[in-house]
Amino acid sequence: MPPAPPPAYAALTAYLASRPADVVRVIVPFPELERLLGAPLPRGVYRYDWWSERATRRHARSWHRAGWRVALLALRADPPAVTFARLDSTPRPLTSPRP
Protein backbone atom coordinates (compact mmCIF):
# COMPACT_ATOMS: atom_id res chain seq x y z
CA MET A 1 0.00 0.00 0.00
CA PRO A 2 1.35 3.49 -0.83
CA PRO A 3 2.43 5.71 2.07
CA ALA A 4 -0.29 7.70 3.77
CA PRO A 5 -1.41 10.86 1.97
CA PRO A 6 -1.10 14.24 3.64
CA PRO A 7 -4.02 14.96 6.01
CA ALA A 8 -5.29 17.72 3.72
CA TYR A 9 -6.21 15.07 1.12
CA ALA A 10 -7.67 12.45 3.48
CA ALA A 11 -11.22 13.34 2.41
CA LEU A 12 -10.36 12.57 -1.23
CA THR A 13 -8.91 9.21 -0.20
CA ALA A 14 -12.08 8.41 1.75
CA TYR A 15 -14.35 9.57 -1.08
CA LEU A 16 -12.62 7.39 -3.69
CA ALA A 17 -12.32 4.41 -1.35
CA SER A 18 -16.07 4.57 -0.68
CA ARG A 19 -17.07 4.22 -4.34
CA PRO A 20 -18.93 0.95 -5.02
CA ALA A 21 -16.79 -1.83 -6.52
CA ASP A 22 -18.67 -1.70 -9.83
CA VAL A 23 -17.76 1.98 -10.34
CA VAL A 24 -14.53 2.09 -12.36
CA ARG A 25 -14.44 5.81 -13.23
CA VAL A 26 -15.33 8.92 -11.26
CA ILE A 27 -15.47 12.45 -12.67
CA VAL A 28 -14.81 15.08 -10.03
CA PRO A 29 -15.29 18.72 -11.06
CA PHE A 30 -12.86 21.05 -9.31
CA PRO A 31 -15.61 22.82 -7.29
CA GLU A 32 -16.68 19.43 -5.91
CA LEU A 33 -13.06 18.59 -5.13
CA GLU A 34 -12.77 21.85 -3.18
CA ARG A 35 -15.92 20.96 -1.22
CA LEU A 36 -14.49 17.52 -0.45
CA LEU A 37 -11.21 18.97 0.75
CA GLY A 38 -12.80 21.90 2.56
CA ALA A 39 -10.31 24.32 1.06
CA PRO A 40 -9.46 26.03 -2.22
CA LEU A 41 -7.33 23.95 -4.58
CA PRO A 42 -3.73 25.04 -5.08
CA ARG A 43 -3.08 26.97 -8.30
CA GLY A 44 -0.92 24.09 -9.51
CA VAL A 45 -3.97 21.93 -10.26
CA TYR A 46 -4.31 23.79 -13.56
CA ARG A 47 -1.02 22.27 -14.77
CA TYR A 48 -0.81 18.69 -16.00
CA ASP A 49 2.38 18.01 -14.04
CA TRP A 50 0.55 18.59 -10.72
CA TRP A 51 -1.51 15.47 -11.50
CA SER A 52 1.58 13.34 -12.11
CA GLU A 53 1.29 9.76 -10.95
CA ARG A 54 4.73 9.82 -9.32
CA ALA A 55 4.62 8.35 -5.84
CA THR A 56 6.87 11.19 -4.68
CA ARG A 57 3.94 13.57 -5.11
CA ARG A 58 2.33 13.70 -1.68
CA HIS A 59 -1.13 14.58 -2.99
CA ALA A 60 -1.01 11.70 -5.53
CA ARG A 61 -0.87 9.32 -2.57
CA SER A 62 -4.47 10.27 -1.78
CA TRP A 63 -5.84 8.60 -4.90
CA HIS A 64 -3.21 5.83 -5.07
CA ARG A 65 -3.92 4.73 -1.50
CA ALA A 66 -7.62 4.43 -2.37
CA GLY A 67 -6.77 2.30 -5.43
CA TRP A 68 -7.34 4.95 -8.10
CA ARG A 69 -5.29 6.82 -10.72
CA VAL A 70 -5.82 9.96 -12.79
CA ALA A 71 -7.28 8.90 -16.15
CA LEU A 72 -8.29 12.21 -17.70
CA LEU A 73 -7.97 15.92 -17.07
CA ALA A 74 -10.37 18.49 -18.45
CA LEU A 75 -8.53 21.65 -17.46
CA ARG A 76 -10.29 23.84 -20.04
CA ALA A 77 -13.78 22.57 -19.28
CA ASP A 78 -16.29 24.70 -17.41
CA PRO A 79 -15.84 23.75 -14.66
CA PRO A 80 -12.46 22.00 -14.90
CA ALA A 81 -12.56 18.36 -13.79
CA VAL A 82 -10.44 15.31 -13.14
CA THR A 83 -11.47 11.76 -13.98
CA PHE A 84 -10.16 9.03 -11.71
CA ALA A 85 -10.09 5.37 -12.75
CA ARG A 86 -9.47 2.30 -10.64
CA LEU A 87 -5.85 1.16 -10.72
CA ASP A 88 -6.93 -2.24 -11.98
CA SER A 89 -8.92 -0.80 -14.91
CA THR A 90 -7.54 -0.44 -18.44
CA PRO A 91 -4.96 2.37 -18.58
CA ARG A 92 -5.66 5.37 -20.76
CA PRO A 93 -3.35 8.25 -21.62
CA LEU A 94 -3.57 11.40 -19.53
CA THR A 95 -5.15 13.85 -21.97
CA SER A 96 -7.59 16.70 -22.04
CA PRO A 97 -10.62 16.75 -24.34
CA ARG A 98 -10.52 19.25 -27.17
CA PRO A 99 -12.88 22.23 -26.79
PDB file of N, CA and C in Angstrom:
ATOM      1  N   MET A   1       0.850  -1.176   0.000  1.00  0.00           N
ATOM      2  CA  MET A   1       0.000   0.000   0.000  1.00  0.00           C
ATOM      3  C   MET A   1       0.897   1.240   0.000  1.00  0.00           C
ATOM      4  N   PRO A   2       0.548   2.267  -0.812  1.00  0.00           N
ATOM      5  CA  PRO A   2       1.348   3.493  -0.827  1.00  0.00           C
ATOM      6  C   PRO A   2       1.362   4.155   0.547  1.00  0.00           C
ATOM      7  N   PRO A   3       2.392   4.980   0.797  1.00  0.00           N
ATOM      8  CA  PRO A   3       2.431   5.710   2.070  1.00  0.00           C
ATOM      9  C   PRO A   3       1.174   6.549   2.247  1.00  0.00           C
ATOM     10  N   ALA A   4       0.898   6.904   3.463  1.00  0.00           N
ATOM     11  CA  ALA A   4      -0.293   7.702   3.767  1.00  0.00           C
ATOM     12  C   ALA A   4      -0.226   9.057   3.070  1.00  0.00           C
ATOM     13  N   PRO A   5      -1.378   9.526   2.574  1.00  0.00           N
ATOM     14  CA  PRO A   5      -1.406  10.855   1.965  1.00  0.00           C
ATOM     15  C   PRO A   5      -1.362  11.923   3.045  1.00  0.00           C
ATOM     16  N   PRO A   6      -1.064  13.165   2.651  1.00  0.00           N
ATOM     17  CA  PRO A   6      -1.100  14.236   3.644  1.00  0.00           C
ATOM     18  C   PRO A   6      -2.522  14.403   4.174  1.00  0.00           C
ATOM     19  N   PRO A   7      -2.684  14.816   5.415  1.00  0.00           N
ATOM     20  CA  PRO A   7      -4.021  14.960   6.011  1.00  0.00           C
ATOM     21  C   PRO A   7      -4.969  15.827   5.190  1.00  0.00           C
ATOM     22  N   ALA A   8      -4.443  16.826   4.501  1.00  0.00           N
ATOM     23  CA  ALA A   8      -5.295  17.719   3.719  1.00  0.00           C
ATOM     24  C   ALA A   8      -6.068  16.974   2.631  1.00  0.00           C
ATOM     25  N   TYR A   9      -5.571  15.821   2.196  1.00  0.00           N
ATOM     26  CA  TYR A   9      -6.206  15.066   1.116  1.00  0.00           C
ATOM     27  C   TYR A   9      -6.908  13.805   1.610  1.00  0.00           C
ATOM     28  N   ALA A  10      -7.032  13.649   2.907  1.00  0.00           N
ATOM     29  CA  ALA A  10      -7.673  12.453   3.478  1.00  0.00           C
ATOM     30  C   ALA A  10      -9.123  12.308   3.017  1.00  0.00           C
ATOM     31  N   ALA A  11      -9.823  13.407   2.845  1.00  0.00           N
ATOM     32  CA  ALA A  11     -11.222  13.337   2.405  1.00  0.00           C
ATOM     33  C   ALA A  11     -11.330  12.786   0.987  1.00  0.00           C
ATOM     34  N   LEU A  12     -10.363  13.118   0.130  1.00  0.00           N
ATOM     35  CA  LEU A  12     -10.362  12.567  -1.232  1.00  0.00           C
ATOM     36  C   LEU A  12     -10.112  11.068  -1.190  1.00  0.00           C
ATOM     37  N   THR A  13      -9.179  10.641  -0.350  1.00  0.00           N
ATOM     38  CA  THR A  13      -8.914   9.210  -0.198  1.00  0.00           C
ATOM     39  C   THR A  13     -10.184   8.489   0.243  1.00  0.00           C
ATOM     40  N   ALA A  14     -10.859   9.030   1.241  1.00  0.00           N
ATOM     41  CA  ALA A  14     -12.084   8.410   1.755  1.00  0.00           C
ATOM     42  C   ALA A  14     -13.181   8.394   0.692  1.00  0.00           C
ATOM     43  N   TYR A  15     -13.321   9.480  -0.038  1.00  0.00           N
ATOM     44  CA  TYR A  15     -14.345   9.565  -1.084  1.00  0.00           C
ATOM     45  C   TYR A  15     -14.124   8.485  -2.145  1.00  0.00           C
ATOM     46  N   LEU A  16     -12.895   8.384  -2.648  1.00  0.00           N
ATOM     47  CA  LEU A  16     -12.615   7.390  -3.686  1.00  0.00           C
ATOM     48  C   LEU A  16     -12.739   5.966  -3.148  1.00  0.00           C
ATOM     49  N   ALA A  17     -12.250   5.749  -1.946  1.00  0.00           N
ATOM     50  CA  ALA A  17     -12.317   4.408  -1.351  1.00  0.00           C
ATOM     51  C   ALA A  17     -13.759   3.968  -1.115  1.00  0.00           C
ATOM     52  N   SER A  18     -14.672   4.912  -0.962  1.00  0.00           N
ATOM     53  CA  SER A  18     -16.065   4.569  -0.681  1.00  0.00           C
ATOM     54  C   SER A  18     -16.897   4.320  -1.941  1.00  0.00           C
ATOM     55  N   ARG A  19     -16.311   4.477  -3.111  1.00  0.00           N
ATOM     56  CA  ARG A  19     -17.069   4.223  -4.335  1.00  0.00           C
ATOM     57  C   ARG A  19     -17.369   2.733  -4.441  1.00  0.00           C
ATOM     58  N   PRO A  20     -18.575   2.371  -4.873  1.00  0.00           N
ATOM     59  CA  PRO A  20     -18.927   0.952  -5.022  1.00  0.00           C
ATOM     60  C   PRO A  20     -17.957   0.237  -5.965  1.00  0.00           C
ATOM     61  N   ALA A  21     -17.756  -1.045  -5.751  1.00  0.00           N
ATOM     62  CA  ALA A  21     -16.791  -1.832  -6.523  1.00  0.00           C
ATOM     63  C   ALA A  21     -17.080  -1.823  -8.018  1.00  0.00           C
ATOM     64  N   ASP A  22     -18.348  -1.684  -8.408  1.00  0.00           N
ATOM     65  CA  ASP A  22     -18.674  -1.705  -9.832  1.00  0.00           C
ATOM     66  C   ASP A  22     -18.441  -0.353 -10.521  1.00  0.00           C
ATOM     67  N   VAL A  23     -18.078   0.669  -9.764  1.00  0.00           N
ATOM     68  CA  VAL A  23     -17.758   1.982 -10.335  1.00  0.00           C
ATOM     69  C   VAL A  23     -16.267   1.983 -10.660  1.00  0.00           C
ATOM     70  N   VAL A  24     -15.940   2.131 -11.951  1.00  0.00           N
ATOM     71  CA  VAL A  24     -14.535   2.089 -12.358  1.00  0.00           C
ATOM     72  C   VAL A  24     -13.974   3.453 -12.729  1.00  0.00           C
ATOM     73  N   ARG A  25     -14.868   4.447 -12.916  1.00  0.00           N
ATOM     74  CA  ARG A  25     -14.444   5.815 -13.228  1.00  0.00           C
ATOM     75  C   ARG A  25     -15.289   6.797 -12.436  1.00  0.00           C
ATOM     76  N   VAL A  26     -14.638   7.860 -12.001  1.00  0.00           N
ATOM     77  CA  VAL A  26     -15.334   8.915 -11.258  1.00  0.00           C
ATOM     78  C   VAL A  26     -14.851  10.257 -11.793  1.00  0.00           C
ATOM     79  N   ILE A  27     -15.791  11.090 -12.229  1.00  0.00           N
ATOM     80  CA  ILE A  27     -15.466  12.449 -12.675  1.00  0.00           C
ATOM     81  C   ILE A  27     -15.716  13.385 -11.503  1.00  0.00           C
ATOM     82  N   VAL A  28     -14.698  14.150 -11.150  1.00  0.00           N
ATOM     83  CA  VAL A  28     -14.815  15.083 -10.028  1.00  0.00           C
ATOM     84  C   VAL A  28     -14.512  16.499 -10.525  1.00  0.00           C
ATOM     85  N   PRO A  29     -15.536  17.323 -10.699  1.00  0.00           N
ATOM     86  CA  PRO A  29     -15.294  18.724 -11.057  1.00  0.00           C
ATOM     87  C   PRO A  29     -14.510  19.419  -9.940  1.00  0.00           C
ATOM     88  N   PHE A  30     -13.689  20.376 -10.301  1.00  0.00           N
ATOM     89  CA  PHE A  30     -12.856  21.055  -9.309  1.00  0.00           C
ATOM     90  C   PHE A  30     -13.665  21.671  -8.170  1.00  0.00           C
ATOM     91  N   PRO A  31     -14.834  22.292  -8.429  1.00  0.00           N
ATOM     92  CA  PRO A  31     -15.606  22.823  -7.289  1.00  0.00           C
ATOM     93  C   PRO A  31     -16.009  21.721  -6.296  1.00  0.00           C
ATOM     94  N   GLU A  32     -16.338  20.539  -6.805  1.00  0.00           N
ATOM     95  CA  GLU A  32     -16.678  19.430  -5.905  1.00  0.00           C
ATOM     96  C   GLU A  32     -15.443  18.976  -5.125  1.00  0.00           C
ATOM     97  N   LEU A  33     -14.302  18.968  -5.798  1.00  0.00           N
ATOM     98  CA  LEU A  33     -13.057  18.595  -5.127  1.00  0.00           C
ATOM     99  C   LEU A  33     -12.745  19.573  -4.001  1.00  0.00           C
ATOM    100  N   GLU A  34     -12.975  20.856  -4.237  1.00  0.00           N
ATOM    101  CA  GLU A  34     -12.765  21.849  -3.183  1.00  0.00           C
ATOM    102  C   GLU A  34     -13.717  21.618  -2.011  1.00  0.00           C
ATOM    103  N   ARG A  35     -14.965  21.260  -2.311  1.00  0.00           N
ATOM    104  CA  ARG A  35     -15.917  20.964  -1.223  1.00  0.00           C
ATOM    105  C   ARG A  35     -15.457  19.742  -0.429  1.00  0.00           C
ATOM    106  N   LEU A  36     -14.985  18.722  -1.136  1.00  0.00           N
ATOM    107  CA  LEU A  36     -14.494  17.521  -0.448  1.00  0.00           C
ATOM    108  C   LEU A  36     -13.336  17.846   0.487  1.00  0.00           C
ATOM    109  N   LEU A  37     -12.417  18.651  -0.016  1.00  0.00           N
ATOM    110  CA  LEU A  37     -11.207  18.966   0.750  1.00  0.00           C
ATOM    111  C   LEU A  37     -11.440  20.055   1.787  1.00  0.00           C
ATOM    112  N   GLY A  38     -12.513  20.826   1.618  1.00  0.00           N
ATOM    113  CA  GLY A  38     -12.802  21.898   2.559  1.00  0.00           C
ATOM    114  C   GLY A  38     -11.861  23.074   2.444  1.00  0.00           C
ATOM    115  N   ALA A  39     -11.269  23.231   1.265  1.00  0.00           N
ATOM    116  CA  ALA A  39     -10.314  24.323   1.057  1.00  0.00           C
ATOM    117  C   ALA A  39     -10.154  24.565  -0.440  1.00  0.00           C
ATOM    118  N   PRO A  40      -9.725  25.771  -0.810  1.00  0.00           N
ATOM    119  CA  PRO A  40      -9.456  26.031  -2.224  1.00  0.00           C
ATOM    120  C   PRO A  40      -8.321  25.131  -2.724  1.00  0.00           C
ATOM    121  N   LEU A  41      -8.399  24.755  -3.980  1.00  0.00           N
ATOM    122  CA  LEU A  41      -7.335  23.950  -4.580  1.00  0.00           C
ATOM    123  C   LEU A  41      -6.116  24.828  -4.834  1.00  0.00           C
ATOM    124  N   PRO A  42      -4.921  24.247  -4.761  1.00  0.00           N
ATOM    125  CA  PRO A  42      -3.732  25.041  -5.081  1.00  0.00           C
ATOM    126  C   PRO A  42      -3.744  25.426  -6.566  1.00  0.00           C
ATOM    127  N   ARG A  43      -3.102  26.507  -6.900  1.00  0.00           N
ATOM    128  CA  ARG A  43      -3.075  26.970  -8.295  1.00  0.00           C
ATOM    129  C   ARG A  43      -2.458  25.935  -9.227  1.00  0.00           C
ATOM    130  N   GLY A  44      -1.597  25.097  -8.700  1.00  0.00           N
ATOM    131  CA  GLY A  44      -0.918  24.092  -9.513  1.00  0.00           C
ATOM    132  C   GLY A  44      -1.837  23.083 -10.172  1.00  0.00           C
ATOM    133  N   VAL A  45      -3.074  22.933  -9.685  1.00  0.00           N
ATOM    134  CA  VAL A  45      -3.974  21.934 -10.261  1.00  0.00           C
ATOM    135  C   VAL A  45      -4.301  22.232 -11.719  1.00  0.00           C
ATOM    136  N   TYR A  46      -4.039  23.431 -12.172  1.00  0.00           N
ATOM    137  CA  TYR A  46      -4.312  23.795 -13.558  1.00  0.00           C
ATOM    138  C   TYR A  46      -3.138  23.475 -14.480  1.00  0.00           C
ATOM    139  N   ARG A  47      -2.155  22.751 -13.967  1.00  0.00           N
ATOM    140  CA  ARG A  47      -1.016  22.274 -14.766  1.00  0.00           C
ATOM    141  C   ARG A  47      -1.042  20.748 -14.766  1.00  0.00           C
ATOM    142  N   TYR A  48      -0.789  20.151 -15.897  1.00  0.00           N
ATOM    143  CA  TYR A  48      -0.812  18.692 -15.996  1.00  0.00           C
ATOM    144  C   TYR A  48       0.188  18.029 -15.063  1.00  0.00           C
ATOM    145  N   ASP A  49       1.353  18.646 -14.868  1.00  0.00           N
ATOM    146  CA  ASP A  49       2.377  18.005 -14.039  1.00  0.00           C
ATOM    147  C   ASP A  49       1.951  17.875 -12.578  1.00  0.00           C
ATOM    148  N   TRP A  50       1.027  18.715 -12.106  1.00  0.00           N
ATOM    149  CA  TRP A  50       0.549  18.588 -10.720  1.00  0.00           C
ATOM    150  C   TRP A  50      -0.134  17.244 -10.523  1.00  0.00           C
ATOM    151  N   TRP A  51      -0.753  16.718 -11.570  1.00  0.00           N
ATOM    152  CA  TRP A  51      -1.512  15.474 -11.500  1.00  0.00           C
ATOM    153  C   TRP A  51      -0.644  14.252 -11.803  1.00  0.00           C
ATOM    154  N   SER A  52       0.653  14.440 -11.834  1.00  0.00           N
ATOM    155  CA  SER A  52       1.579  13.345 -12.107  1.00  0.00           C
ATOM    156  C   SER A  52       1.312  12.156 -11.189  1.00  0.00           C
ATOM    157  N   GLU A  53       1.513  10.985 -11.715  1.00  0.00           N
ATOM    158  CA  GLU A  53       1.290   9.761 -10.951  1.00  0.00           C
ATOM    159  C   GLU A  53       2.506   9.356 -10.108  1.00  0.00           C
ATOM    160  N   ARG A  54       3.532  10.159 -10.101  1.00  0.00           N
ATOM    161  CA  ARG A  54       4.730   9.816  -9.319  1.00  0.00           C
ATOM    162  C   ARG A  54       4.407   9.687  -7.840  1.00  0.00           C
ATOM    163  N   ALA A  55       4.872   8.612  -7.259  1.00  0.00           N
ATOM    164  CA  ALA A  55       4.617   8.355  -5.837  1.00  0.00           C
ATOM    165  C   ALA A  55       5.268   9.401  -4.942  1.00  0.00           C
ATOM    166  N   THR A  56       6.225  10.148  -5.478  1.00  0.00           N
ATOM    167  CA  THR A  56       6.869  11.188  -4.675  1.00  0.00           C
ATOM    168  C   THR A  56       5.958  12.401  -4.488  1.00  0.00           C
ATOM    169  N   ARG A  57       4.909  12.480  -5.259  1.00  0.00           N
ATOM    170  CA  ARG A  57       3.940  13.570  -5.114  1.00  0.00           C
ATOM    171  C   ARG A  57       3.013  13.236  -3.953  1.00  0.00           C
ATOM    172  N   ARG A  58       3.106  14.008  -2.895  1.00  0.00           N
ATOM    173  CA  ARG A  58       2.332  13.702  -1.681  1.00  0.00           C
ATOM    174  C   ARG A  58       0.841  13.644  -1.947  1.00  0.00           C
ATOM    175  N   HIS A  59       0.310  14.573  -2.735  1.00  0.00           N
ATOM    176  CA  HIS A  59      -1.127  14.578  -2.987  1.00  0.00           C
ATOM    177  C   HIS A  59      -1.560  13.386  -3.845  1.00  0.00           C
ATOM    178  N   ALA A  60      -0.671  12.869  -4.704  1.00  0.00           N
ATOM    179  CA  ALA A  60      -1.010  11.696  -5.525  1.00  0.00           C
ATOM    180  C   ALA A  60      -1.251  10.465  -4.658  1.00  0.00           C
ATOM    181  N   ARG A  61      -0.644  10.450  -3.481  1.00  0.00           N
ATOM    182  CA  ARG A  61      -0.868   9.318  -2.570  1.00  0.00           C
ATOM    183  C   ARG A  61      -2.334   9.193  -2.178  1.00  0.00           C
ATOM    184  N   SER A  62      -3.074  10.315  -2.204  1.00  0.00           N
ATOM    185  CA  SER A  62      -4.474  10.274  -1.783  1.00  0.00           C
ATOM    186  C   SER A  62      -5.299   9.396  -2.716  1.00  0.00           C
ATOM    187  N   TRP A  63      -5.079   9.467  -4.000  1.00  0.00           N
ATOM    188  CA  TRP A  63      -5.840   8.597  -4.898  1.00  0.00           C
ATOM    189  C   TRP A  63      -5.198   7.232  -5.038  1.00  0.00           C
ATOM    190  N   HIS A  64      -3.870   7.145  -4.990  1.00  0.00           N
ATOM    191  CA  HIS A  64      -3.214   5.826  -5.070  1.00  0.00           C
ATOM    192  C   HIS A  64      -3.598   4.945  -3.890  1.00  0.00           C
ATOM    193  N   ARG A  65      -3.599   5.512  -2.699  1.00  0.00           N
ATOM    194  CA  ARG A  65      -3.918   4.732  -1.501  1.00  0.00           C
ATOM    195  C   ARG A  65      -5.336   4.178  -1.559  1.00  0.00           C
ATOM    196  N   ALA A  66      -6.233   4.890  -2.230  1.00  0.00           N
ATOM    197  CA  ALA A  66      -7.618   4.435  -2.366  1.00  0.00           C
ATOM    198  C   ALA A  66      -7.785   3.456  -3.524  1.00  0.00           C
ATOM    199  N   GLY A  67      -6.703   3.236  -4.314  1.00  0.00           N
ATOM    200  CA  GLY A  67      -6.768   2.298  -5.434  1.00  0.00           C
ATOM    201  C   GLY A  67      -7.194   2.933  -6.749  1.00  0.00           C
ATOM    202  N   TRP A  68      -6.937   4.224  -6.905  1.00  0.00           N
ATOM    203  CA  TRP A  68      -7.335   4.954  -8.101  1.00  0.00           C
ATOM    204  C   TRP A  68      -6.141   5.642  -8.735  1.00  0.00           C
ATOM    205  N   ARG A  69      -6.307   6.061  -9.980  1.00  0.00           N
ATOM    206  CA  ARG A  69      -5.290   6.821 -10.720  1.00  0.00           C
ATOM    207  C   ARG A  69      -6.005   7.926 -11.492  1.00  0.00           C
ATOM    208  N   VAL A  70      -5.251   8.908 -11.951  1.00  0.00           N
ATOM    209  CA  VAL A  70      -5.818   9.961 -12.792  1.00  0.00           C
ATOM    210  C   VAL A  70      -5.888   9.410 -14.211  1.00  0.00           C
ATOM    211  N   ALA A  71      -7.079   9.424 -14.790  1.00  0.00           N
ATOM    212  CA  ALA A  71      -7.275   8.902 -16.146  1.00  0.00           C
ATOM    213  C   ALA A  71      -7.431  10.014 -17.171  1.00  0.00           C
ATOM    214  N   LEU A  72      -8.002  11.140 -16.754  1.00  0.00           N
ATOM    215  CA  LEU A  72      -8.287  12.211 -17.700  1.00  0.00           C
ATOM    216  C   LEU A  72      -8.372  13.537 -16.966  1.00  0.00           C
ATOM    217  N   LEU A  73      -7.841  14.558 -17.603  1.00  0.00           N
ATOM    218  CA  LEU A  73      -7.970  15.916 -17.072  1.00  0.00           C
ATOM    219  C   LEU A  73      -8.716  16.768 -18.079  1.00  0.00           C
ATOM    220  N   ALA A  74      -9.653  17.542 -17.606  1.00  0.00           N
ATOM    221  CA  ALA A  74     -10.373  18.488 -18.447  1.00  0.00           C
ATOM    222  C   ALA A  74     -10.133  19.872 -17.858  1.00  0.00           C
ATOM    223  N   LEU A  75      -8.931  20.390 -18.076  1.00  0.00           N
ATOM    224  CA  LEU A  75      -8.534  21.653 -17.460  1.00  0.00           C
ATOM    225  C   LEU A  75      -9.182  22.864 -18.109  1.00  0.00           C
ATOM    226  N   ARG A  76      -9.660  22.719 -19.342  1.00  0.00           N
ATOM    227  CA  ARG A  76     -10.295  23.837 -20.037  1.00  0.00           C
ATOM    228  C   ARG A  76     -11.815  23.744 -20.010  1.00  0.00           C
ATOM    229  N   ALA A  77     -12.328  22.722 -19.378  1.00  0.00           N
ATOM    230  CA  ALA A  77     -13.779  22.567 -19.278  1.00  0.00           C
ATOM    231  C   ALA A  77     -14.332  23.608 -18.308  1.00  0.00           C
ATOM    232  N   ASP A  78     -15.642  23.779 -18.339  1.00  0.00           N
ATOM    233  CA  ASP A  78     -16.286  24.702 -17.411  1.00  0.00           C
ATOM    234  C   ASP A  78     -17.346  23.933 -16.627  1.00  0.00           C
ATOM    235  N   PRO A  79     -17.062  23.529 -15.429  1.00  0.00           N
ATOM    236  CA  PRO A  79     -15.839  23.749 -14.658  1.00  0.00           C
ATOM    237  C   PRO A  79     -14.780  22.692 -14.995  1.00  0.00           C
ATOM    238  N   PRO A  80     -13.505  22.996 -14.709  1.00  0.00           N
ATOM    239  CA  PRO A  80     -12.460  21.995 -14.899  1.00  0.00           C
ATOM    240  C   PRO A  80     -12.770  20.760 -14.052  1.00  0.00           C
ATOM    241  N   ALA A  81     -12.271  19.608 -14.507  1.00  0.00           N
ATOM    242  CA  ALA A  81     -12.558  18.362 -13.786  1.00  0.00           C
ATOM    243  C   ALA A  81     -11.424  17.367 -13.966  1.00  0.00           C
ATOM    244  N   VAL A  82     -11.384  16.425 -13.060  1.00  0.00           N
ATOM    245  CA  VAL A  82     -10.439  15.311 -13.139  1.00  0.00           C
ATOM    246  C   VAL A  82     -11.261  14.029 -13.139  1.00  0.00           C
ATOM    247  N   THR A  83     -10.840  13.072 -13.962  1.00  0.00           N
ATOM    248  CA  THR A  83     -11.475  11.763 -13.980  1.00  0.00           C
ATOM    249  C   THR A  83     -10.502  10.770 -13.368  1.00  0.00           C
ATOM    250  N   PHE A  84     -10.950  10.079 -12.340  1.00  0.00           N
ATOM    251  CA  PHE A  84     -10.163   9.034 -11.708  1.00  0.00           C
ATOM    252  C   PHE A  84     -10.661   7.686 -12.223  1.00  0.00           C
ATOM    253  N   ALA A  85      -9.741   6.737 -12.356  1.00  0.00           N
ATOM    254  CA  ALA A  85     -10.090   5.368 -12.749  1.00  0.00           C
ATOM    255  C   ALA A  85      -9.426   4.417 -11.770  1.00  0.00           C
ATOM    256  N   ARG A  86     -10.059   3.297 -11.541  1.00  0.00           N
ATOM    257  CA  ARG A  86      -9.471   2.303 -10.641  1.00  0.00           C
ATOM    258  C   ARG A  86      -8.126   1.837 -11.198  1.00  0.00           C
ATOM    259  N   LEU A  87      -7.181   1.597 -10.299  1.00  0.00           N
ATOM    260  CA  LEU A  87      -5.849   1.162 -10.722  1.00  0.00           C
ATOM    261  C   LEU A  87      -5.894  -0.118 -11.542  1.00  0.00           C
ATOM    262  N   ASP A  88      -6.856  -0.974 -11.269  1.00  0.00           N
ATOM    263  CA  ASP A  88      -6.927  -2.243 -11.983  1.00  0.00           C
ATOM    264  C   ASP A  88      -7.746  -2.158 -13.269  1.00  0.00           C
ATOM    265  N   SER A  89      -8.185  -0.958 -13.659  1.00  0.00           N
ATOM    266  CA  SER A  89      -8.924  -0.801 -14.915  1.00  0.00           C
ATOM    267  C   SER A  89      -7.931  -0.540 -16.050  1.00  0.00           C
ATOM    268  N   THR A  90      -8.394  -0.616 -17.271  1.00  0.00           N
ATOM    269  CA  THR A  90      -7.545  -0.436 -18.441  1.00  0.00           C
ATOM    270  C   THR A  90      -6.943   0.959 -18.460  1.00  0.00           C
ATOM    271  N   PRO A  91      -5.602   1.053 -18.560  1.00  0.00           N
ATOM    272  CA  PRO A  91      -4.962   2.373 -18.580  1.00  0.00           C
ATOM    273  C   PRO A  91      -5.342   3.165 -19.829  1.00  0.00           C
ATOM    274  N   ARG A  92      -5.419   4.444 -19.660  1.00  0.00           N
ATOM    275  CA  ARG A  92      -5.656   5.368 -20.764  1.00  0.00           C
ATOM    276  C   ARG A  92      -4.667   6.506 -20.620  1.00  0.00           C
ATOM    277  N   PRO A  93      -4.293   7.131 -21.730  1.00  0.00           N
ATOM    278  CA  PRO A  93      -3.350   8.255 -21.622  1.00  0.00           C
ATOM    279  C   PRO A  93      -3.970   9.435 -20.893  1.00  0.00           C
ATOM    280  N   LEU A  94      -3.133  10.198 -20.241  1.00  0.00           N
ATOM    281  CA  LEU A  94      -3.568  11.396 -19.526  1.00  0.00           C
ATOM    282  C   LEU A  94      -3.689  12.519 -20.550  1.00  0.00           C
ATOM    283  N   THR A  95      -4.911  12.832 -20.960  1.00  0.00           N
ATOM    284  CA  THR A  95      -5.149  13.854 -21.973  1.00  0.00           C
ATOM    285  C   THR A  95      -6.314  14.723 -21.552  1.00  0.00           C
ATOM    286  N   SER A  96      -6.466  15.795 -22.275  1.00  0.00           N
ATOM    287  CA  SER A  96      -7.585  16.696 -22.040  1.00  0.00           C
ATOM    288  C   SER A  96      -8.443  16.710 -23.296  1.00  0.00           C
ATOM    289  N   PRO A  97      -9.767  16.688 -23.157  1.00  0.00           N
ATOM    290  CA  PRO A  97     -10.617  16.746 -24.337  1.00  0.00           C
ATOM    291  C   PRO A  97     -10.458  18.070 -25.064  1.00  0.00           C
ATOM    292  N   ARG A  98     -10.604  18.030 -26.361  1.00  0.00           N
ATOM    293  CA  ARG A  98     -10.517  19.249 -27.171  1.00  0.00           C
ATOM    294  C   ARG A  98     -11.804  20.057 -26.987  1.00  0.00           C
ATOM    295  N   PRO A  99     -11.658  21.398 -26.931  1.00  0.00           N
ATOM    296  CA  PRO A  99     -12.877  22.229 -26.785  1.00  0.00           C
ATOM    297  C   PRO A  99     -13.750  22.166 -28.019  1.00  0.00           C
TER     298      PRO A  99
END
